[in-house]
Structure formats: C-alpha cells, structure tokens
Amino acid sequence: MFNPLQPLNSELRPLNSELQPLNSELRPLNSELRPLNSELRPLNSELQPLNSELRPLNSELRPLNSELQPLNSELRPLNSELRPLNSELRPLNSELQPLNSELRPLNSELQPLNSELQPLNSDSVILVLLKHENSALFLQRFL
C-alpha cells in the first residue's frame, strides 16, 4: 500500500538532520534565556499600564507639536539674528558690571535725598504752573 506522506517524509529527513545540530546549539541558549524571560515578564506587566496612560498624553501632544512647528520655524531666523547681537553684548556687559557695582552704593545714598526732594519738586511744579498766564487752562488740560 502506498503512503501519500512518503514523498514528504523523504524530503523532511535531510532537513531534520540539518536541524538537529542547530537544536543542540539552541538548548543552552534557551536555558540562559529562561531566567531572563522570567525577570522580564513582571517588568513588562508593570510597563503595560504606564503605556496605557501614555497613549492619551501622546495623542494630546501631537496637535500641540504641530502648532509649535510653525512657531519654531519663525523663531529660527530670529535666533540667528540674536546670536551676533549677544556676542556684541557680552563685552559691554563685562564693562558695565564694575560700573554697576560702583553705582549701587551711590544709588542707596541718593534714595533718602530723592525722597526728601520729591515734595519740593511737586511744590515747585505747582508754583510754576500758577505763574503761567493761562494756568487755569493749563491745569485743566494736564491735571
């Protein structure tokens, strides 16, 4: 009696003989991978909820990113214009820092004097305005 699987079996025998050495090489690798896989399973299960939380956030970020792209395109030329200006300002800033250090104490000395002069200045302005020949009209416009 003729077996219909006989031709297929005869084709499979050489393939099987080729697979046997490969299987013997894979067994040690599989035994090494088992512990790693057992460690990775819990980590993967922890990652799944995080990924689920991230999906909606990513979908919210996409439109925002698309809105930001034109703004970024507009900013690039402005940034390139600012770079040379910044390089010009650095030396000026370094020159101004010592001057500012000198001016701070002077400014703190002048503040009490300025507060004393302020009422005098406002009185002087009123006196000047009153001496003006059209002072009433002038006051109505500006006060």
Protein backbone atom coordinates (compact mmCIF):
# COMPACT_ATOMS: atom_id res chain seq x y z
CA MET A 1 0.00 0.00 0.00
CA PHE A 2 1.20 3.41 -0.95
CA ASN A 3 1.60 6.03 1.77
CA PRO A 4 0.88 9.54 0.40
CA LEU A 5 3.15 11.08 3.03
CA GLN A 6 6.13 9.03 1.95
CA PRO A 7 7.50 11.61 -0.55
CA LEU A 8 7.15 14.37 2.00
CA ASN A 9 8.85 12.31 4.67
CA SER A 10 11.75 11.63 2.35
CA GLU A 11 12.13 15.41 1.81
CA LEU A 12 11.92 16.09 5.52
CA ARG A 13 14.64 13.63 6.57
CA PRO A 14 17.58 15.74 5.24
CA LEU A 15 16.05 18.86 6.75
CA ASN A 16 15.65 17.14 10.06
CA SER A 17 19.28 16.07 10.04
CA GLU A 18 20.28 19.72 9.43
CA LEU A 19 18.04 20.90 12.26
CA GLN A 20 19.42 18.54 14.90
CA PRO A 21 22.79 20.33 15.31
CA LEU A 22 21.01 23.67 15.41
CA ASN A 23 18.68 22.41 18.10
CA SER A 24 21.60 21.23 20.16
CA GLU A 25 23.14 24.73 19.88
CA LEU A 26 19.86 26.37 20.84
CA ARG A 27 19.26 24.36 24.01
CA PRO A 28 21.95 26.14 26.07
CA LEU A 29 20.78 29.47 24.76
CA ASN A 30 17.23 28.68 25.70
CA SER A 31 18.28 27.68 29.17
CA GLU A 32 20.10 31.04 29.52
CA LEU A 33 17.08 32.93 28.27
CA ARG A 34 14.57 31.35 30.63
CA PRO A 35 15.73 33.26 33.73
CA LEU A 36 15.92 36.47 31.77
CA ASN A 37 12.43 35.98 30.45
CA SER A 38 11.15 35.24 33.91
CA GLU A 39 12.67 38.55 35.10
CA LEU A 40 11.26 40.45 32.14
CA ARG A 41 7.69 39.26 32.46
CA PRO A 42 6.90 41.21 35.64
CA LEU A 43 8.63 44.27 34.26
CA ASN A 44 6.59 44.07 31.09
CA SER A 45 3.44 43.71 33.09
CA GLU A 46 4.40 46.86 35.02
CA LEU A 47 5.02 48.72 31.79
CA GLN A 48 1.68 47.93 30.25
CA PRO A 49 -0.38 50.26 32.49
CA LEU A 50 2.18 53.01 32.03
CA ASN A 51 1.95 52.64 28.29
CA SER A 52 -1.81 52.81 28.55
CA GLU A 53 -1.51 56.08 30.44
CA LEU A 54 0.94 57.48 27.92
CA ARG A 55 -1.20 56.87 24.85
CA PRO A 56 -3.74 59.61 25.61
CA LEU A 57 -0.96 62.02 26.53
CA ASN A 58 0.78 61.34 23.26
CA SER A 59 -2.41 61.94 21.36
CA GLU A 60 -2.79 65.28 23.18
CA LEU A 61 0.79 66.22 22.39
CA ARG A 62 0.56 65.66 18.66
CA PRO A 63 -1.67 68.68 17.94
CA LEU A 64 0.44 70.83 20.23
CA ASN A 65 3.58 69.79 18.41
CA SER A 66 2.00 70.61 15.09
CA GLU A 67 1.09 74.06 16.43
CA LEU A 68 4.61 74.60 17.70
CA GLN A 69 6.34 73.72 14.46
CA PRO A 70 5.40 76.95 12.66
CA LEU A 71 6.41 78.97 15.71
CA ASN A 72 9.74 77.22 15.80
CA SER A 73 10.20 77.98 12.13
CA GLU A 74 9.55 81.64 12.84
CA LEU A 75 11.95 81.64 15.77
CA ARG A 76 14.91 80.14 13.93
CA PRO A 77 15.71 83.25 11.88
CA LEU A 78 15.20 85.47 14.92
CA ASN A 79 17.58 83.33 16.93
CA SER A 80 20.16 83.54 14.19
CA GLU A 81 19.83 87.34 14.29
CA LEU A 82 20.19 87.36 18.07
CA ARG A 83 23.40 85.35 18.17
CA PRO A 84 25.63 88.11 16.79
CA LEU A 85 23.92 90.67 19.00
CA ASN A 86 24.55 88.52 22.05
CA SER A 87 28.19 88.23 21.15
CA GLU A 88 28.37 92.03 20.88
CA LEU A 89 26.64 92.48 24.23
CA ARG A 90 28.96 90.21 26.19
CA PRO A 91 31.87 92.67 26.24
CA LEU A 92 29.54 95.53 27.08
CA ASN A 93 28.08 93.57 29.97
CA SER A 94 31.52 92.83 31.29
CA GLU A 95 32.33 96.57 31.14
CA LEU A 96 29.07 97.55 32.80
CA GLN A 97 29.28 95.16 35.71
CA PRO A 98 32.03 97.07 37.53
CA LEU A 99 30.24 100.34 36.85
CA ASN A 100 27.03 98.94 38.27
CA SER A 101 28.93 97.82 41.34
CA GLU A 102 30.14 101.38 41.82
CA LEU A 103 26.69 102.87 41.24
CA ARG A 104 24.78 100.69 43.69
CA PRO A 105 26.19 102.30 46.83
CA LEU A 106 25.71 105.76 45.31
CA ASN A 107 22.12 104.94 44.49
CA SER A 108 21.43 103.80 48.02
CA GLU A 109 22.95 107.07 49.30
CA LEU A 110 20.76 109.13 46.94
CA GLN A 111 17.47 107.44 47.73
CA PRO A 112 16.86 109.29 51.02
CA LEU A 113 17.79 112.58 49.35
CA ASN A 114 15.38 111.88 46.49
CA SER A 115 12.57 111.15 48.90
CA GLU A 116 13.25 114.50 50.62
CA LEU A 117 13.30 116.35 47.28
CA GLN A 118 10.11 114.80 45.92
CA PRO A 119 7.67 117.02 47.87
CA LEU A 120 9.76 120.07 46.98
CA ASN A 121 9.67 119.18 43.29
CA SER A 122 5.91 118.78 43.24
CA ASP A 123 5.50 122.15 45.04
CA SER A 124 7.80 123.79 42.50
CA VAL A 125 5.78 122.42 39.60
CA ILE A 126 2.58 123.81 41.07
CA LEU A 127 4.20 127.22 41.62
CA VAL A 128 5.47 127.31 38.04
CA LEU A 129 2.03 126.37 36.76
CA LEU A 130 0.34 129.04 38.84
CA LYS A 131 2.70 131.69 37.47
CA HIS A 132 1.83 130.71 33.92
CA GLU A 133 -0.56 133.30 32.46
CA ASN A 134 -3.02 130.62 31.30
CA SER A 135 -2.51 128.49 34.36
CA ALA A 136 -6.17 127.61 34.84
CA LEU A 137 -6.48 126.38 31.26
CA PHE A 138 -3.10 124.69 31.52
CA LEU A 139 -4.05 122.94 34.75
CA GLN A 140 -7.36 121.77 33.32
CA ARG A 141 -5.60 120.12 30.40
CA PHE A 142 -2.87 118.39 32.33
CA LEU A 143 -4.23 117.64 35.80
